[in-house]
Amino acid sequence: MACKYSTQLFRLSNGETVECYSTDTRNGFCHHAEMYVAGRGLVHVRISYYNRTWERFRYESVLDRICANVYGDATSICAVEIDRPTTNWVKL
């Protein structure tokens, strides 16, 4: 398995926690998001990039995708980075 780096934890507005991290690939890098959902086990999403991202904040795309996969609609979920709880409120 590739080495994880830049790990950040996010708390969703419904209390769930999502771990996001990056890994290197041969041609670029990937962003990953993992969330444990009761009844479904660990949900994991991955997005690969070749150069850079145009996200408003790091891990925006994987947070959006994991919420869409689990809840069906990511627009109503809010996330806050719990590494620095007073900043980085994010509307997904």
N, C-alpha and C. Protein backbone atom coordinates (compact mmCIF):
# COMPACT_ATOMS: atom_id res chain seq x y z
N MET A 1 0.84 -1.18 0.00
CA MET A 1 0.00 0.00 0.00
C MET A 1 0.89 1.24 0.00
N ALA A 2 0.45 2.25 -0.71
CA ALA A 2 1.19 3.50 -0.80
C ALA A 2 1.19 4.21 0.56
N CYS A 3 2.20 5.03 0.77
CA CYS A 3 2.35 5.75 2.02
C CYS A 3 1.35 6.91 2.10
N LYS A 4 0.62 6.98 3.22
CA LYS A 4 -0.34 8.06 3.45
C LYS A 4 0.40 9.32 3.90
N TYR A 5 -0.08 10.48 3.46
CA TYR A 5 0.42 11.73 3.98
C TYR A 5 -0.70 12.77 3.94
N SER A 6 -0.49 13.87 4.63
CA SER A 6 -1.47 14.97 4.72
C SER A 6 -2.82 14.50 5.22
N THR A 7 -2.83 13.67 6.24
CA THR A 7 -4.09 13.16 6.78
C THR A 7 -4.83 14.27 7.52
N GLN A 8 -6.13 14.39 7.24
CA GLN A 8 -7.00 15.34 7.92
C GLN A 8 -8.31 14.65 8.26
N LEU A 9 -8.85 14.98 9.41
CA LEU A 9 -10.14 14.46 9.82
C LEU A 9 -11.20 15.55 9.66
N PHE A 10 -12.38 15.16 9.17
CA PHE A 10 -13.50 16.08 9.01
C PHE A 10 -14.70 15.50 9.75
N ARG A 11 -15.44 16.33 10.44
CA ARG A 11 -16.68 15.92 11.09
C ARG A 11 -17.84 16.46 10.28
N LEU A 12 -18.74 15.58 9.88
CA LEU A 12 -19.92 15.99 9.13
C LEU A 12 -20.98 16.53 10.08
N SER A 13 -21.94 17.26 9.54
CA SER A 13 -22.97 17.88 10.37
C SER A 13 -23.84 16.84 11.09
N ASN A 14 -23.87 15.61 10.59
CA ASN A 14 -24.65 14.56 11.25
C ASN A 14 -23.83 13.77 12.28
N GLY A 15 -22.59 14.19 12.55
CA GLY A 15 -21.76 13.55 13.56
C GLY A 15 -20.78 12.51 13.05
N GLU A 16 -20.90 12.09 11.80
CA GLU A 16 -19.97 11.12 11.24
C GLU A 16 -18.59 11.76 11.05
N THR A 17 -17.55 10.94 11.11
CA THR A 17 -16.19 11.41 10.90
C THR A 17 -15.63 10.80 9.63
N VAL A 18 -14.95 11.62 8.84
CA VAL A 18 -14.34 11.18 7.59
C VAL A 18 -12.84 11.46 7.68
N GLU A 19 -12.04 10.44 7.37
CA GLU A 19 -10.59 10.61 7.32
C GLU A 19 -10.19 10.78 5.87
N CYS A 20 -9.48 11.86 5.58
CA CYS A 20 -8.99 12.11 4.22
C CYS A 20 -7.47 12.11 4.25
N TYR A 21 -6.87 11.59 3.18
CA TYR A 21 -5.42 11.56 3.09
C TYR A 21 -5.01 11.49 1.63
N SER A 22 -3.74 11.70 1.38
CA SER A 22 -3.17 11.67 0.04
C SER A 22 -2.19 10.51 -0.07
N THR A 23 -2.02 10.02 -1.28
CA THR A 23 -0.98 9.03 -1.59
C THR A 23 -0.37 9.40 -2.94
N ASP A 24 0.87 9.00 -3.15
CA ASP A 24 1.53 9.21 -4.42
C ASP A 24 1.23 8.05 -5.36
N THR A 25 1.19 8.35 -6.65
CA THR A 25 1.09 7.32 -7.69
C THR A 25 2.27 7.52 -8.64
N ARG A 26 2.41 6.63 -9.58
CA ARG A 26 3.50 6.74 -10.53
C ARG A 26 3.39 8.01 -11.38
N ASN A 27 2.15 8.42 -11.69
CA ASN A 27 1.95 9.56 -12.58
C ASN A 27 1.39 10.80 -11.91
N GLY A 28 1.22 10.79 -10.60
CA GLY A 28 0.63 11.95 -9.92
C GLY A 28 0.37 11.64 -8.46
N PHE A 29 -0.87 11.89 -8.02
CA PHE A 29 -1.23 11.62 -6.64
C PHE A 29 -2.73 11.34 -6.56
N CYS A 30 -3.16 10.84 -5.42
CA CYS A 30 -4.57 10.53 -5.18
C CYS A 30 -5.02 11.15 -3.87
N HIS A 31 -6.27 11.55 -3.83
CA HIS A 31 -6.93 11.90 -2.58
C HIS A 31 -7.89 10.77 -2.23
N HIS A 32 -7.89 10.37 -0.97
CA HIS A 32 -8.75 9.30 -0.47
C HIS A 32 -9.63 9.84 0.65
N ALA A 33 -10.81 9.25 0.80
CA ALA A 33 -11.67 9.54 1.94
C ALA A 33 -12.22 8.21 2.44
N GLU A 34 -12.21 8.02 3.77
CA GLU A 34 -12.72 6.80 4.39
C GLU A 34 -13.68 7.17 5.50
N MET A 35 -14.81 6.46 5.54
CA MET A 35 -15.80 6.68 6.59
C MET A 35 -16.41 5.34 6.97
N TYR A 36 -16.54 5.10 8.27
CA TYR A 36 -17.20 3.89 8.73
C TYR A 36 -18.68 4.19 8.87
N VAL A 37 -19.52 3.43 8.16
CA VAL A 37 -20.96 3.62 8.20
C VAL A 37 -21.58 2.37 8.80
N ALA A 38 -22.35 2.54 9.87
CA ALA A 38 -23.00 1.40 10.52
C ALA A 38 -23.84 0.64 9.51
N GLY A 39 -23.67 -0.67 9.48
CA GLY A 39 -24.43 -1.51 8.57
C GLY A 39 -23.77 -1.70 7.21
N ARG A 40 -22.84 -0.82 6.84
CA ARG A 40 -22.18 -0.93 5.54
C ARG A 40 -20.68 -1.13 5.67
N GLY A 41 -20.14 -0.95 6.86
CA GLY A 41 -18.70 -1.08 7.04
C GLY A 41 -17.96 0.15 6.56
N LEU A 42 -16.74 -0.04 6.16
CA LEU A 42 -15.88 1.05 5.73
C LEU A 42 -16.21 1.44 4.29
N VAL A 43 -16.50 2.72 4.08
CA VAL A 43 -16.73 3.24 2.74
C VAL A 43 -15.48 4.03 2.35
N HIS A 44 -14.95 3.74 1.17
CA HIS A 44 -13.70 4.36 0.71
C HIS A 44 -13.91 4.90 -0.69
N VAL A 45 -13.48 6.14 -0.93
CA VAL A 45 -13.47 6.70 -2.28
C VAL A 45 -12.07 7.22 -2.57
N ARG A 46 -11.74 7.27 -3.86
CA ARG A 46 -10.42 7.71 -4.29
C ARG A 46 -10.57 8.48 -5.58
N ILE A 47 -9.85 9.58 -5.67
CA ILE A 47 -9.79 10.36 -6.91
C ILE A 47 -8.32 10.56 -7.25
N SER A 48 -7.96 10.25 -8.49
CA SER A 48 -6.57 10.38 -8.95
C SER A 48 -6.38 11.70 -9.69
N TYR A 49 -5.22 12.30 -9.51
CA TYR A 49 -4.87 13.54 -10.18
C TYR A 49 -3.50 13.37 -10.83
N TYR A 50 -3.31 13.99 -11.99
CA TYR A 50 -2.03 13.93 -12.67
C TYR A 50 -1.15 15.14 -12.37
N ASN A 51 -1.75 16.28 -12.09
CA ASN A 51 -0.96 17.48 -11.91
C ASN A 51 -1.36 18.18 -10.62
N ARG A 52 -2.48 18.86 -10.62
CA ARG A 52 -2.93 19.58 -9.44
C ARG A 52 -4.45 19.59 -9.44
N THR A 53 -5.03 20.02 -8.34
CA THR A 53 -6.48 20.12 -8.26
C THR A 53 -6.87 21.58 -8.29
N TRP A 54 -8.12 21.82 -8.62
CA TRP A 54 -8.67 23.18 -8.62
C TRP A 54 -9.77 23.27 -7.57
N GLU A 55 -9.57 22.59 -6.46
CA GLU A 55 -10.55 22.60 -5.39
C GLU A 55 -10.42 23.88 -4.57
N ARG A 56 -11.53 24.29 -3.95
CA ARG A 56 -11.50 25.45 -3.07
C ARG A 56 -10.73 25.16 -1.80
N PHE A 57 -10.72 23.92 -1.37
CA PHE A 57 -9.97 23.48 -0.20
C PHE A 57 -9.55 22.04 -0.43
N ARG A 58 -8.51 21.61 0.27
CA ARG A 58 -7.99 20.26 0.09
C ARG A 58 -9.06 19.24 0.47
N TYR A 59 -9.22 18.22 -0.35
CA TYR A 59 -10.14 17.10 -0.17
C TYR A 59 -11.59 17.45 -0.45
N GLU A 60 -11.87 18.57 -1.07
CA GLU A 60 -13.25 18.93 -1.39
C GLU A 60 -13.94 17.86 -2.24
N SER A 61 -13.28 17.39 -3.28
CA SER A 61 -13.89 16.44 -4.21
C SER A 61 -14.17 15.09 -3.56
N VAL A 62 -13.24 14.56 -2.76
CA VAL A 62 -13.49 13.25 -2.14
C VAL A 62 -14.54 13.35 -1.05
N LEU A 63 -14.60 14.47 -0.32
CA LEU A 63 -15.66 14.65 0.67
C LEU A 63 -17.02 14.70 -0.02
N ASP A 64 -17.10 15.41 -1.12
CA ASP A 64 -18.34 15.50 -1.88
C ASP A 64 -18.76 14.13 -2.39
N ARG A 65 -17.80 13.36 -2.92
CA ARG A 65 -18.12 12.05 -3.48
C ARG A 65 -18.53 11.04 -2.41
N ILE A 66 -17.85 11.03 -1.26
CA ILE A 66 -18.21 10.06 -0.23
C ILE A 66 -19.59 10.38 0.35
N CYS A 67 -19.92 11.65 0.50
CA CYS A 67 -21.25 12.02 0.99
C CYS A 67 -22.32 11.64 -0.03
N ALA A 68 -22.04 11.85 -1.30
CA ALA A 68 -22.99 11.46 -2.35
C ALA A 68 -23.18 9.94 -2.38
N ASN A 69 -22.10 9.18 -2.20
CA ASN A 69 -22.21 7.71 -2.20
C ASN A 69 -22.99 7.19 -1.01
N VAL A 70 -22.79 7.79 0.16
CA VAL A 70 -23.42 7.29 1.38
C VAL A 70 -24.84 7.82 1.55
N TYR A 71 -25.02 9.12 1.31
CA TYR A 71 -26.30 9.76 1.60
C TYR A 71 -27.12 10.07 0.36
N GLY A 72 -26.53 9.98 -0.81
CA GLY A 72 -27.26 10.24 -2.03
C GLY A 72 -27.30 11.71 -2.41
N ASP A 73 -27.02 12.61 -1.47
CA ASP A 73 -27.06 14.04 -1.75
C ASP A 73 -26.02 14.72 -0.88
N ALA A 74 -25.02 15.30 -1.50
CA ALA A 74 -23.95 15.92 -0.73
C ALA A 74 -24.21 17.39 -0.44
N THR A 75 -25.22 17.98 -1.07
CA THR A 75 -25.41 19.42 -0.93
C THR A 75 -25.93 19.82 0.44
N SER A 76 -26.53 18.90 1.17
CA SER A 76 -27.09 19.26 2.48
C SER A 76 -26.16 18.91 3.64
N ILE A 77 -24.99 18.37 3.35
CA ILE A 77 -24.05 17.96 4.39
C ILE A 77 -22.99 19.05 4.56
N CYS A 78 -22.73 19.44 5.80
CA CYS A 78 -21.65 20.38 6.10
C CYS A 78 -20.53 19.62 6.79
N ALA A 79 -19.30 20.06 6.57
CA ALA A 79 -18.16 19.41 7.19
C ALA A 79 -17.28 20.46 7.84
N VAL A 80 -16.66 20.09 8.95
CA VAL A 80 -15.67 20.96 9.58
C VAL A 80 -14.43 20.12 9.83
N GLU A 81 -13.29 20.71 9.57
CA GLU A 81 -12.04 20.02 9.82
C GLU A 81 -11.80 20.01 11.31
N ILE A 82 -11.71 18.83 11.93
CA ILE A 82 -11.59 18.78 13.39
C ILE A 82 -10.16 18.84 13.88
N ASP A 83 -9.19 18.91 12.95
CA ASP A 83 -7.82 19.18 13.38
C ASP A 83 -7.70 20.63 13.85
N ARG A 84 -8.46 21.52 13.26
CA ARG A 84 -8.50 22.94 13.63
C ARG A 84 -9.97 23.35 13.71
N PRO A 85 -10.65 23.04 14.82
CA PRO A 85 -12.10 23.15 14.86
C PRO A 85 -12.67 24.55 14.75
N THR A 86 -11.90 25.59 14.90
CA THR A 86 -12.46 26.94 14.83
C THR A 86 -12.41 27.51 13.42
N THR A 87 -11.81 26.79 12.47
CA THR A 87 -11.72 27.28 11.10
C THR A 87 -12.19 26.23 10.12
N ASN A 88 -12.28 26.62 8.88
CA ASN A 88 -12.53 25.70 7.76
C ASN A 88 -13.92 25.07 7.76
N TRP A 89 -14.95 25.81 8.15
CA TRP A 89 -16.30 25.30 7.92
C TRP A 89 -16.53 25.25 6.44
N VAL A 90 -17.10 24.16 5.98
CA VAL A 90 -17.22 23.95 4.55
C VAL A 90 -18.62 23.47 4.23
N LYS A 91 -19.29 24.14 3.30
CA LYS A 91 -20.59 23.69 2.81
C LYS A 91 -20.34 22.81 1.60
N LEU A 92 -20.73 21.55 1.69
CA LEU A 92 -20.53 20.63 0.56
C LEU A 92 -21.75 20.61 -0.32
